[in-house]
């Protein structure tokens, strides 16, 4: 589980990141990234109904949270990162999703 201090929880923070953040698409996910003025990264994970039924959405969110938790030490700090699951994530294995996440983070110059 991603620790509470590393999560974006307020709607205001989500909206600010969507409006002012950099949007970077990947094959399995889309990332919105903006500076948060803190000494740590905060993550938000979103899976809409386009991804599939509740079971598929929850699996996608669990995978993205696990990747976010494991990447904490490898990314530059001080950013709000919202990760949106795409429909193509449903059939993909964990390693491909993780590779796509790091590709997106490299595009954002956080890795």
PDB file of N, CA and C in Angstrom:
ATOM      1  N   UNK A   1       0.837  -1.181   0.000  1.00  0.00           N
ATOM      2  CA  UNK A   1       0.000   0.000   0.000  1.00  0.00           C
ATOM      3  C   UNK A   1       0.881   1.242   0.000  1.00  0.00           C
ATOM      4  N   UNK A   2       0.485   2.215  -0.768  1.00  0.00           N
ATOM      5  CA  UNK A   2       1.193   3.493  -0.826  1.00  0.00           C
ATOM      6  C   UNK A   2       0.845   4.283   0.426  1.00  0.00           C
ATOM      7  N   UNK A   3       1.854   4.696   1.166  1.00  0.00           N
ATOM      8  CA  UNK A   3       1.663   5.398   2.433  1.00  0.00           C
ATOM      9  C   UNK A   3       0.847   6.681   2.226  1.00  0.00           C
ATOM     10  N   UNK A   4       0.065   7.057   3.220  1.00  0.00           N
ATOM     11  CA  UNK A   4      -0.849   8.189   3.115  1.00  0.00           C
ATOM     12  C   UNK A   4      -0.142   9.505   2.781  1.00  0.00           C
ATOM     13  N   UNK A   5       1.060   9.711   3.291  1.00  0.00           N
ATOM     14  CA  UNK A   5       1.763  10.974   3.028  1.00  0.00           C
ATOM     15  C   UNK A   5       2.239  11.078   1.583  1.00  0.00           C
ATOM     16  N   UNK A   6       2.243   9.975   0.849  1.00  0.00           N
ATOM     17  CA  UNK A   6       2.659   9.979  -0.549  1.00  0.00           C
ATOM     18  C   UNK A   6       1.474   9.948  -1.510  1.00  0.00           C
ATOM     19  N   UNK A   7       0.249  10.205  -1.015  1.00  0.00           N
ATOM     20  CA  UNK A   7      -0.950  10.180  -1.850  1.00  0.00           C
ATOM     21  C   UNK A   7      -1.525  11.582  -2.023  1.00  0.00           C
ATOM     22  N   UNK A   8      -2.084  11.834  -3.185  1.00  0.00           N
ATOM     23  CA  UNK A   8      -2.862  13.051  -3.399  1.00  0.00           C
ATOM     24  C   UNK A   8      -4.285  12.704  -2.981  1.00  0.00           C
ATOM     25  N   UNK A   9      -4.842  13.457  -2.038  1.00  0.00           N
ATOM     26  CA  UNK A   9      -6.164  13.104  -1.535  1.00  0.00           C
ATOM     27  C   UNK A   9      -7.214  14.177  -1.773  1.00  0.00           C
ATOM     28  N   UNK A  10      -6.793  15.420  -1.968  1.00  0.00           N
ATOM     29  CA  UNK A  10      -7.754  16.509  -2.110  1.00  0.00           C
ATOM     30  C   UNK A  10      -8.088  16.751  -3.578  1.00  0.00           C
ATOM     31  N   UNK A  11      -9.364  16.999  -3.833  1.00  0.00           N
ATOM     32  CA  UNK A  11      -9.837  17.271  -5.179  1.00  0.00           C
ATOM     33  C   UNK A  11      -9.152  18.504  -5.758  1.00  0.00           C
ATOM     34  N   UNK A  12      -8.887  19.478  -4.907  1.00  0.00           N
ATOM     35  CA  UNK A  12      -8.214  20.708  -5.328  1.00  0.00           C
ATOM     36  C   UNK A  12      -6.832  20.406  -5.917  1.00  0.00           C
ATOM     37  N   UNK A  13      -6.111  19.484  -5.296  1.00  0.00           N
ATOM     38  CA  UNK A  13      -4.780  19.123  -5.784  1.00  0.00           C
ATOM     39  C   UNK A  13      -4.849  18.387  -7.125  1.00  0.00           C
ATOM     40  N   UNK A  14      -5.868  17.525  -7.279  1.00  0.00           N
ATOM     41  CA  UNK A  14      -6.065  16.853  -8.561  1.00  0.00           C
ATOM     42  C   UNK A  14      -6.342  17.878  -9.652  1.00  0.00           C
ATOM     43  N   UNK A  15      -7.273  18.790  -9.387  1.00  0.00           N
ATOM     44  CA  UNK A  15      -7.653  19.785 -10.390  1.00  0.00           C
ATOM     45  C   UNK A  15      -6.471  20.681 -10.764  1.00  0.00           C
ATOM     46  N   UNK A  16      -5.684  21.074  -9.788  1.00  0.00           N
ATOM     47  CA  UNK A  16      -4.526  21.923 -10.048  1.00  0.00           C
ATOM     48  C   UNK A  16      -3.503  21.193 -10.924  1.00  0.00           C
ATOM     49  N   UNK A  17      -3.299  19.920 -10.659  1.00  0.00           N
ATOM     50  CA  UNK A  17      -2.349  19.136 -11.450  1.00  0.00           C
ATOM     51  C   UNK A  17      -2.872  18.931 -12.869  1.00  0.00           C
ATOM     52  N   UNK A  18      -4.172  18.667 -13.010  1.00  0.00           N
ATOM     53  CA  UNK A  18      -4.745  18.527 -14.350  1.00  0.00           C
ATOM     54  C   UNK A  18      -4.606  19.828 -15.144  1.00  0.00           C
ATOM     55  N   UNK A  19      -4.872  20.970 -14.509  1.00  0.00           N
ATOM     56  CA  UNK A  19      -4.843  22.262 -15.201  1.00  0.00           C
ATOM     57  C   UNK A  19      -3.424  22.723 -15.526  1.00  0.00           C
ATOM     58  N   UNK A  20      -2.529  22.636 -14.549  1.00  0.00           N
ATOM     59  CA  UNK A  20      -1.195  23.221 -14.691  1.00  0.00           C
ATOM     60  C   UNK A  20      -0.098  22.212 -14.997  1.00  0.00           C
ATOM     61  N   UNK A  21      -0.416  20.933 -14.930  1.00  0.00           N
ATOM     62  CA  UNK A  21       0.616  19.919 -15.070  1.00  0.00           C
ATOM     63  C   UNK A  21       0.948  19.569 -16.504  1.00  0.00           C
ATOM     64  N   UNK A  22       2.059  18.907 -16.642  1.00  0.00           N
ATOM     65  CA  UNK A  22       2.532  18.413 -17.927  1.00  0.00           C
ATOM     66  C   UNK A  22       1.868  17.059 -18.184  1.00  0.00           C
ATOM     67  N   UNK A  23       1.251  16.897 -19.344  1.00  0.00           N
ATOM     68  CA  UNK A  23       0.582  15.643 -19.693  1.00  0.00           C
ATOM     69  C   UNK A  23       1.508  14.824 -20.577  1.00  0.00           C
ATOM     70  N   UNK A  24       1.794  13.595 -20.135  1.00  0.00           N
ATOM     71  CA  UNK A  24       2.679  12.720 -20.891  1.00  0.00           C
ATOM     72  C   UNK A  24       1.983  11.374 -21.100  1.00  0.00           C
ATOM     73  N   UNK A  25       1.633  11.051 -22.345  1.00  0.00           N
ATOM     74  CA  UNK A  25       0.969   9.773 -22.609  1.00  0.00           C
ATOM     75  C   UNK A  25       1.963   8.636 -22.805  1.00  0.00           C
ATOM     76  N   UNK A  26       1.546   7.458 -22.414  1.00  0.00           N
ATOM     77  CA  UNK A  26       2.296   6.239 -22.648  1.00  0.00           C
ATOM     78  C   UNK A  26       1.368   5.219 -23.280  1.00  0.00           C
ATOM     79  N   UNK A  27       1.857   4.023 -23.487  1.00  0.00           N
ATOM     80  CA  UNK A  27       1.032   2.988 -24.106  1.00  0.00           C
ATOM     81  C   UNK A  27      -0.051   2.486 -23.148  1.00  0.00           C
ATOM     82  N   UNK A  28       0.291   2.337 -21.868  1.00  0.00           N
ATOM     83  CA  UNK A  28      -0.641   1.775 -20.899  1.00  0.00           C
ATOM     84  C   UNK A  28      -1.158   2.785 -19.882  1.00  0.00           C
ATOM     85  N   UNK A  29      -0.581   3.973 -19.858  1.00  0.00           N
ATOM     86  CA  UNK A  29      -0.995   4.967 -18.864  1.00  0.00           C
ATOM     87  C   UNK A  29      -0.735   6.371 -19.378  1.00  0.00           C
ATOM     88  N   UNK A  30      -1.369   7.332 -18.700  1.00  0.00           N
ATOM     89  CA  UNK A  30      -1.145   8.749 -18.959  1.00  0.00           C
ATOM     90  C   UNK A  30      -0.739   9.370 -17.633  1.00  0.00           C
ATOM     91  N   UNK A  31       0.267  10.231 -17.662  1.00  0.00           N
ATOM     92  CA  UNK A  31       0.729  10.871 -16.431  1.00  0.00           C
ATOM     93  C   UNK A  31       0.579  12.384 -16.535  1.00  0.00           C
ATOM     94  N   UNK A  32       0.068  12.981 -15.473  1.00  0.00           N
ATOM     95  CA  UNK A  32       0.050  14.433 -15.312  1.00  0.00           C
ATOM     96  C   UNK A  32       1.028  14.750 -14.187  1.00  0.00           C
ATOM     97  N   UNK A  33       1.947  15.674 -14.439  1.00  0.00           N
ATOM     98  CA  UNK A  33       3.006  15.955 -13.471  1.00  0.00           C
ATOM     99  C   UNK A  33       3.114  17.457 -13.257  1.00  0.00           C
ATOM    100  N   UNK A  34       3.127  17.865 -11.988  1.00  0.00           N
ATOM    101  CA  UNK A  34       3.353  19.279 -11.662  1.00  0.00           C
ATOM    102  C   UNK A  34       4.147  19.357 -10.360  1.00  0.00           C
ATOM    103  N   UNK A  35       4.880  20.452 -10.196  1.00  0.00           N
ATOM    104  CA  UNK A  35       5.664  20.657  -8.977  1.00  0.00           C
ATOM    105  C   UNK A  35       4.720  20.929  -7.813  1.00  0.00           C
ATOM    106  N   UNK A  36       5.072  20.402  -6.622  1.00  0.00           N
ATOM    107  CA  UNK A  36       4.200  20.595  -5.463  1.00  0.00           C
ATOM    108  C   UNK A  36       4.850  21.406  -4.348  1.00  0.00           C
ATOM    109  N   UNK A  37       6.107  21.785  -4.477  1.00  0.00           N
ATOM    110  CA  UNK A  37       6.763  22.591  -3.461  1.00  0.00           C
ATOM    111  C   UNK A  37       7.096  21.856  -2.182  1.00  0.00           C
ATOM    112  N   UNK A  38       7.024  20.543  -2.196  1.00  0.00           N
ATOM    113  CA  UNK A  38       7.351  19.724  -1.026  1.00  0.00           C
ATOM    114  C   UNK A  38       8.658  18.977  -1.296  1.00  0.00           C
ATOM    115  N   UNK A  39       9.112  18.258  -0.294  1.00  0.00           N
ATOM    116  CA  UNK A  39      10.347  17.489  -0.459  1.00  0.00           C
ATOM    117  C   UNK A  39      10.064  16.038  -0.814  1.00  0.00           C
ATOM    118  N   UNK A  40       8.828  15.748  -1.201  1.00  0.00           N
ATOM    119  CA  UNK A  40       8.465  14.371  -1.560  1.00  0.00           C
ATOM    120  C   UNK A  40       7.500  14.380  -2.742  1.00  0.00           C
ATOM    121  N   UNK A  41       7.414  13.246  -3.404  1.00  0.00           N
ATOM    122  CA  UNK A  41       6.440  13.073  -4.472  1.00  0.00           C
ATOM    123  C   UNK A  41       5.131  12.582  -3.881  1.00  0.00           C
ATOM    124  N   UNK A  42       4.028  13.038  -4.471  1.00  0.00           N
ATOM    125  CA  UNK A  42       2.715  12.514  -4.108  1.00  0.00           C
ATOM    126  C   UNK A  42       2.091  11.935  -5.373  1.00  0.00           C
ATOM    127  N   UNK A  43       1.414  10.808  -5.210  1.00  0.00           N
ATOM    128  CA  UNK A  43       0.832  10.113  -6.349  1.00  0.00           C
ATOM    129  C   UNK A  43      -0.681  10.051  -6.223  1.00  0.00           C
ATOM    130  N   UNK A  44      -1.345  10.144  -7.358  1.00  0.00           N
ATOM    131  CA  UNK A  44      -2.773   9.902  -7.466  1.00  0.00           C
ATOM    132  C   UNK A  44      -2.975   8.880  -8.564  1.00  0.00           C
ATOM    133  N   UNK A  45      -3.837   7.917  -8.338  1.00  0.00           N
ATOM    134  CA  UNK A  45      -4.074   6.854  -9.317  1.00  0.00           C
ATOM    135  C   UNK A  45      -5.540   6.868  -9.704  1.00  0.00           C
ATOM    136  N   UNK A  46      -5.806   6.861 -11.025  1.00  0.00           N
ATOM    137  CA  UNK A  46      -7.165   6.952 -11.532  1.00  0.00           C
ATOM    138  C   UNK A  46      -7.385   5.845 -12.551  1.00  0.00           C
ATOM    139  N   UNK A  47      -8.532   5.175 -12.453  1.00  0.00           N
ATOM    140  CA  UNK A  47      -8.951   4.179 -13.448  1.00  0.00           C
ATOM    141  C   UNK A  47     -10.433   4.391 -13.697  1.00  0.00           C
ATOM    142  N   UNK A  48     -10.781   4.898 -14.862  1.00  0.00           N
ATOM    143  CA  UNK A  48     -12.183   5.195 -15.163  1.00  0.00           C
ATOM    144  C   UNK A  48     -12.909   3.932 -15.624  1.00  0.00           C
ATOM    145  N   UNK A  49     -14.188   4.063 -15.869  1.00  0.00           N
ATOM    146  CA  UNK A  49     -14.984   2.921 -16.318  1.00  0.00           C
ATOM    147  C   UNK A  49     -14.597   2.459 -17.712  1.00  0.00           C
ATOM    148  N   UNK A  50     -13.848   3.275 -18.436  1.00  0.00           N
ATOM    149  CA  UNK A  50     -13.356   2.871 -19.753  1.00  0.00           C
ATOM    150  C   UNK A  50     -12.393   1.699 -19.645  1.00  0.00           C
ATOM    151  N   UNK A  51     -11.748   1.552 -18.484  1.00  0.00           N
ATOM    152  CA  UNK A  51     -10.786   0.465 -18.276  1.00  0.00           C
ATOM    153  C   UNK A  51     -11.507  -0.881 -18.227  1.00  0.00           C
ATOM    154  N   UNK A  52     -12.682  -0.925 -17.636  1.00  0.00           N
ATOM    155  CA  UNK A  52     -13.439  -2.174 -17.548  1.00  0.00           C
ATOM    156  C   UNK A  52     -14.304  -2.193 -16.306  1.00  0.00           C
ATOM    157  N   UNK A  53     -14.702  -3.394 -15.909  1.00  0.00           N
ATOM    158  CA  UNK A  53     -15.556  -3.514 -14.726  1.00  0.00           C
ATOM    159  C   UNK A  53     -14.742  -3.270 -13.454  1.00  0.00           C
ATOM    160  N   UNK A  54     -15.382  -3.357 -12.310  1.00  0.00           N
ATOM    161  CA  UNK A  54     -14.746  -3.010 -11.035  1.00  0.00           C
ATOM    162  C   UNK A  54     -13.509  -3.861 -10.760  1.00  0.00           C
ATOM    163  N   UNK A  55     -13.554  -5.118 -11.115  1.00  0.00           N
ATOM    164  CA  UNK A  55     -12.423  -6.007 -10.872  1.00  0.00           C
ATOM    165  C   UNK A  55     -11.201  -5.544 -11.674  1.00  0.00           C
ATOM    166  N   UNK A  56     -11.402  -5.208 -12.939  1.00  0.00           N
ATOM    167  CA  UNK A  56     -10.303  -4.766 -13.796  1.00  0.00           C
ATOM    168  C   UNK A  56      -9.768  -3.407 -13.354  1.00  0.00           C
ATOM    169  N   UNK A  57     -10.665  -2.495 -12.959  1.00  0.00           N
ATOM    170  CA  UNK A  57     -10.224  -1.179 -12.494  1.00  0.00           C
ATOM    171  C   UNK A  57      -9.403  -1.299 -11.218  1.00  0.00           C
ATOM    172  N   UNK A  58      -9.859  -2.120 -10.284  1.00  0.00           N
ATOM    173  CA  UNK A  58      -9.120  -2.296  -9.029  1.00  0.00           C
ATOM    174  C   UNK A  58      -7.762  -2.935  -9.261  1.00  0.00           C
ATOM    175  N   UNK A  59      -7.687  -3.888 -10.167  1.00  0.00           N
ATOM    176  CA  UNK A  59      -6.408  -4.520 -10.487  1.00  0.00           C
ATOM    177  C   UNK A  59      -5.456  -3.497 -11.097  1.00  0.00           C
ATOM    178  N   UNK A  60      -5.965  -2.657 -11.989  1.00  0.00           N
ATOM    179  CA  UNK A  60      -5.134  -1.616 -12.607  1.00  0.00           C
ATOM    180  C   UNK A  60      -4.630  -0.642 -11.548  1.00  0.00           C
ATOM    181  N   UNK A  61      -5.501  -0.220 -10.633  1.00  0.00           N
ATOM    182  CA  UNK A  61      -5.082   0.705  -9.572  1.00  0.00           C
ATOM    183  C   UNK A  61      -4.061   0.063  -8.649  1.00  0.00           C
ATOM    184  N   UNK A  62      -4.253  -1.192  -8.274  1.00  0.00           N
ATOM    185  CA  UNK A  62      -3.286  -1.877  -7.409  1.00  0.00           C
ATOM    186  C   UNK A  62      -1.914  -1.948  -8.069  1.00  0.00           C
ATOM    187  N   UNK A  63      -1.885  -2.275  -9.347  1.00  0.00           N
ATOM    188  CA  UNK A  63      -0.613  -2.359 -10.060  1.00  0.00           C
ATOM    189  C   UNK A  63       0.076  -0.996 -10.115  1.00  0.00           C
ATOM    190  N   UNK A  64      -0.678   0.052 -10.413  1.00  0.00           N
ATOM    191  CA  UNK A  64      -0.086   1.383 -10.509  1.00  0.00           C
ATOM    192  C   UNK A  64       0.417   1.874  -9.159  1.00  0.00           C
ATOM    193  N   UNK A  65      -0.323   1.576  -8.094  1.00  0.00           N
ATOM    194  CA  UNK A  65       0.148   1.955  -6.750  1.00  0.00           C
ATOM    195  C   UNK A  65       1.431   1.228  -6.386  1.00  0.00           C
ATOM    196  N   UNK A  66       1.515  -0.052  -6.753  1.00  0.00           N
ATOM    197  CA  UNK A  66       2.726  -0.828  -6.458  1.00  0.00           C
ATOM    198  C   UNK A  66       3.923  -0.258  -7.213  1.00  0.00           C
ATOM    199  N   UNK A  67       3.719   0.110  -8.460  1.00  0.00           N
ATOM    200  CA  UNK A  67       4.805   0.693  -9.250  1.00  0.00           C
ATOM    201  C   UNK A  67       5.223   2.030  -8.652  1.00  0.00           C
ATOM    202  N   UNK A  68       4.260   2.851  -8.238  1.00  0.00           N
ATOM    203  CA  UNK A  68       4.557   4.147  -7.631  1.00  0.00           C
ATOM    204  C   UNK A  68       5.349   3.970  -6.340  1.00  0.00           C
ATOM    205  N   UNK A  69       4.951   2.999  -5.519  1.00  0.00           N
ATOM    206  CA  UNK A  69       5.646   2.746  -4.252  1.00  0.00           C
ATOM    207  C   UNK A  69       7.089   2.315  -4.494  1.00  0.00           C
ATOM    208  N   UNK A  70       7.291   1.442  -5.468  1.00  0.00           N
ATOM    209  CA  UNK A  70       8.638   0.942  -5.754  1.00  0.00           C
ATOM    210  C   UNK A  70       9.537   1.998  -6.392  1.00  0.00           C
ATOM    211  N   UNK A  71       8.943   2.992  -7.050  1.00  0.00           N
ATOM    212  CA  UNK A  71       9.734   3.988  -7.764  1.00  0.00           C
ATOM    213  C   UNK A  71      10.121   5.180  -6.900  1.00  0.00           C
ATOM    214  N   UNK A  72       9.668   5.242  -5.667  1.00  0.00           N
ATOM    215  CA  UNK A  72       9.889   6.407  -4.813  1.00  0.00           C
ATOM    216  C   UNK A  72      11.358   6.826  -4.744  1.00  0.00           C
ATOM    217  N   UNK A  73      12.262   5.911  -4.589  1.00  0.00           N
ATOM    218  CA  UNK A  73      13.675   6.257  -4.451  1.00  0.00           C
ATOM    219  C   UNK A  73      14.380   6.578  -5.755  1.00  0.00           C
ATOM    220  N   UNK A  74      13.750   6.284  -6.875  1.00  0.00           N
ATOM    221  CA  UNK A  74      14.407   6.458  -8.169  1.00  0.00           C
ATOM    222  C   UNK A  74      14.004   7.727  -8.901  1.00  0.00           C
ATOM    223  N   UNK A  75      12.973   8.424  -8.416  1.00  0.00           N
ATOM    224  CA  UNK A  75      12.479   9.616  -9.096  1.00  0.00           C
ATOM    225  C   UNK A  75      12.930  10.884  -8.394  1.00  0.00           C
ATOM    226  N   UNK A  76      13.017  11.971  -9.148  1.00  0.00           N
ATOM    227  CA  UNK A  76      13.278  13.278  -8.555  1.00  0.00           C
ATOM    228  C   UNK A  76      12.117  13.628  -7.643  1.00  0.00           C
ATOM    229  N   UNK A  77      12.396  14.307  -6.536  1.00  0.00           N
ATOM    230  CA  UNK A  77      11.376  14.589  -5.525  1.00  0.00           C
ATOM    231  C   UNK A  77      10.787  15.986  -5.717  1.00  0.00           C
ATOM    232  N   UNK A  78       9.568  16.172  -5.199  1.00  0.00           N
ATOM    233  CA  UNK A  78       8.916  17.471  -5.215  1.00  0.00           C
ATOM    234  C   UNK A  78       7.845  17.624  -6.278  1.00  0.00           C
ATOM    235  N   UNK A  79       7.188  16.518  -6.669  1.00  0.00           N
ATOM    236  CA  UNK A  79       6.192  16.564  -7.732  1.00  0.00           C
ATOM    237  C   UNK A  79       4.906  15.861  -7.319  1.00  0.00           C
ATOM    238  N   UNK A  80       3.784  16.357  -7.865  1.00  0.00           N
ATOM    239  CA  UNK A  80       2.512  15.651  -7.804  1.00  0.00           C
ATOM    240  C   UNK A  80       2.379  14.901  -9.119  1.00  0.00           C
ATOM    241  N   UNK A  81       2.126  13.603  -9.040  1.00  0.00           N
ATOM    242  CA  UNK A  81       2.052  12.764 -10.228  1.00  0.00           C
ATOM    243  C   UNK A  81       0.712  12.029 -10.211  1.00  0.00           C
ATOM    244  N   UNK A  82      -0.116  12.303 -11.218  1.00  0.00           N
ATOM    245  CA  UNK A  82      -1.381  11.589 -11.366  1.00  0.00           C
ATOM    246  C   UNK A  82      -1.205  10.596 -12.499  1.00  0.00           C
ATOM    247  N   UNK A  83      -1.486   9.327 -12.215  1.00  0.00           N
ATOM    248  CA  UNK A  83      -1.337   8.266 -13.201  1.00  0.00           C
ATOM    249  C   UNK A  83      -2.732   7.769 -13.557  1.00  0.00           C
ATOM    250  N   UNK A  84      -3.062   7.828 -14.843  1.00  0.00           N
ATOM    251  CA  UNK A  84      -4.373   7.396 -15.322  1.00  0.00           C
ATOM    252  C   UNK A  84      -4.196   6.114 -16.116  1.00  0.00           C
ATOM    253  N   UNK A  85      -4.933   5.084 -15.734  1.00  0.00           N
ATOM    254  CA  UNK A  85      -4.858   3.794 -16.429  1.00  0.00           C
ATOM    255  C   UNK A  85      -5.599   3.884 -17.760  1.00  0.00           C
ATOM    256  N   UNK A  86      -5.018   3.284 -18.779  1.00  0.00           N
ATOM    257  CA  UNK A  86      -5.670   3.203 -20.083  1.00  0.00           C
ATOM    258  C   UNK A  86      -6.281   1.817 -20.251  1.00  0.00           C
ATOM    259  N   UNK A  87      -7.212   1.714 -21.198  1.00  0.00           N
ATOM    260  CA  UNK A  87      -7.892   0.439 -21.452  1.00  0.00           C
ATOM    261  C   UNK A  87      -6.902  -0.651 -21.861  1.00  0.00           C
ATOM    262  N   UNK A  88      -5.825  -0.283 -22.536  1.00  0.00           N
ATOM    263  CA  UNK A  88      -4.845  -1.276 -22.997  1.00  0.00           C
ATOM    264  C   UNK A  88      -4.117  -1.953 -21.840  1.00  0.00           C
ATOM    265  N   UNK A  89      -4.208  -1.394 -20.631  1.00  0.00           N
ATOM    266  CA  UNK A  89      -3.537  -1.963 -19.470  1.00  0.00           C
ATOM    267  C   UNK A  89      -4.150  -3.299 -19.044  1.00  0.00           C
ATOM    268  N   UNK A  90      -5.395  -3.543 -19.372  1.00  0.00           N
ATOM    269  CA  UNK A  90      -6.113  -4.724 -18.891  1.00  0.00           C
ATOM    270  C   UNK A  90      -5.417  -6.024 -19.278  1.00  0.00           C
ATOM    271  N   UNK A  91      -4.958  -6.151 -20.490  1.00  0.00           N
ATOM    272  CA  UNK A  91      -4.345  -7.401 -20.926  1.00  0.00           C
ATOM    273  C   UNK A  91      -2.841  -7.472 -20.743  1.00  0.00           C
ATOM    274  N   UNK A  92      -2.236  -6.383 -20.286  1.00  0.00           N
ATOM    275  CA  UNK A  92      -0.776  -6.327 -20.198  1.00  0.00           C
ATOM    276  C   UNK A  92      -0.264  -6.935 -18.902  1.00  0.00           C
ATOM    277  N   UNK A  93       0.949  -7.464 -18.937  1.00  0.00           N
ATOM    278  CA  UNK A  93       1.538  -7.990 -17.720  1.00  0.00           C
ATOM    279  C   UNK A  93       2.250  -6.870 -16.957  1.00  0.00           C
ATOM    280  N   UNK A  94       2.578  -7.139 -15.717  1.00  0.00           N
ATOM    281  CA  UNK A  94       3.118  -6.132 -14.798  1.00  0.00           C
ATOM    282  C   UNK A  94       4.412  -5.513 -15.318  1.00  0.00           C
ATOM    283  N   UNK A  95       5.296  -6.328 -15.864  1.00  0.00           N
ATOM    284  CA  UNK A  95       6.596  -5.835 -16.321  1.00  0.00           C
ATOM    285  C   UNK A  95       6.464  -4.811 -17.445  1.00  0.00           C
ATOM    286  N   UNK A  96       5.520  -5.026 -18.362  1.00  0.00           N
ATOM    287  CA  UNK A  96       5.318  -4.079 -19.453  1.00  0.00           C
ATOM    288  C   UNK A  96       4.768  -2.754 -18.930  1.00  0.00           C
ATOM    289  N   UNK A  97       3.864  -2.828 -17.967  1.00  0.00           N
ATOM    290  CA  UNK A  97       3.297  -1.609 -17.382  1.00  0.00           C
ATOM    291  C   UNK A  97       4.391  -0.837 -16.655  1.00  0.00           C
ATOM    292  N   UNK A  98       5.216  -1.548 -15.902  1.00  0.00           N
ATOM    293  CA  UNK A  98       6.309  -0.912 -15.171  1.00  0.00           C
ATOM    294  C   UNK A  98       7.300  -0.256 -16.136  1.00  0.00           C
ATOM    295  N   UNK A  99       7.624  -0.931 -17.215  1.00  0.00           N
ATOM    296  CA  UNK A  99       8.537  -0.380 -18.211  1.00  0.00           C
ATOM    297  C   UNK A  99       7.943   0.884 -18.838  1.00  0.00           C
ATOM    298  N   UNK A 100       6.642   0.860 -19.131  1.00  0.00           N
ATOM    299  CA  UNK A 100       5.970   2.027 -19.697  1.00  0.00           C
ATOM    300  C   UNK A 100       5.969   3.193 -18.703  1.00  0.00           C
ATOM    301  N   UNK A 101       5.786   2.895 -17.417  1.00  0.00           N
ATOM    302  CA  UNK A 101       5.826   3.936 -16.382  1.00  0.00           C
ATOM    303  C   UNK A 101       7.180   4.631 -16.373  1.00  0.00           C
ATOM    304  N   UNK A 102       8.258   3.862 -16.380  1.00  0.00           N
ATOM    305  CA  UNK A 102       9.594   4.451 -16.361  1.00  0.00           C
ATOM    306  C   UNK A 102       9.901   5.197 -17.667  1.00  0.00           C
ATOM    307  N   UNK A 103       9.353   4.742 -18.788  1.00  0.00           N
ATOM    308  CA  UNK A 103       9.510   5.465 -20.050  1.00  0.00           C
ATOM    309  C   UNK A 103       8.844   6.832 -19.963  1.00  0.00           C
ATOM    310  N   UNK A 104       7.655   6.879 -19.395  1.00  0.00           N
ATOM    311  CA  UNK A 104       6.936   8.151 -19.219  1.00  0.00           C
ATOM    312  C   UNK A 104       7.702   9.055 -18.273  1.00  0.00           C
ATOM    313  N   UNK A 105       8.244   8.508 -17.184  1.00  0.00           N
ATOM    314  CA  UNK A 105       8.994   9.321 -16.231  1.00  0.00           C
ATOM    315  C   UNK A 105      10.291   9.860 -16.855  1.00  0.00           C
ATOM    316  N   UNK A 106      10.904   9.087 -17.744  1.00  0.00           N
ATOM    317  CA  UNK A 106      12.097   9.574 -18.441  1.00  0.00           C
ATOM    318  C   UNK A 106      11.735  10.712 -19.384  1.00  0.00           C
ATOM    319  N   UNK A 107      10.582  10.618 -20.045  1.00  0.00           N
ATOM    320  CA  UNK A 107      10.122  11.706 -20.910  1.00  0.00           C
ATOM    321  C   UNK A 107       9.910  12.976 -20.109  1.00  0.00           C
ATOM    322  N   UNK A 108       9.473  12.820 -18.861  1.00  0.00           N
ATOM    323  CA  UNK A 108       9.235  13.971 -17.989  1.00  0.00           C
ATOM    324  C   UNK A 108      10.513  14.436 -17.299  1.00  0.00           C
ATOM    325  N   UNK A 109      11.599  13.723 -17.509  1.00  0.00           N
ATOM    326  CA  UNK A 109      12.903  14.017 -16.912  1.00  0.00           C
ATOM    327  C   UNK A 109      12.866  13.925 -15.378  1.00  0.00           C
ATOM    328  N   UNK A 110      12.135  12.954 -14.877  1.00  0.00           N
ATOM    329  CA  UNK A 110      12.090  12.701 -13.440  1.00  0.00           C
ATOM    330  C   UNK A 110      12.939  11.511 -13.047  1.00  0.00           C
ATOM    331  N   UNK A 111      13.396  10.759 -14.005  1.00  0.00           N
ATOM    332  CA  UNK A 111      14.138   9.528 -13.756  1.00  0.00           C
ATOM    333  C   UNK A 111      15.587   9.685 -14.146  1.00  0.00           C
TER     334      UNK A 111
END
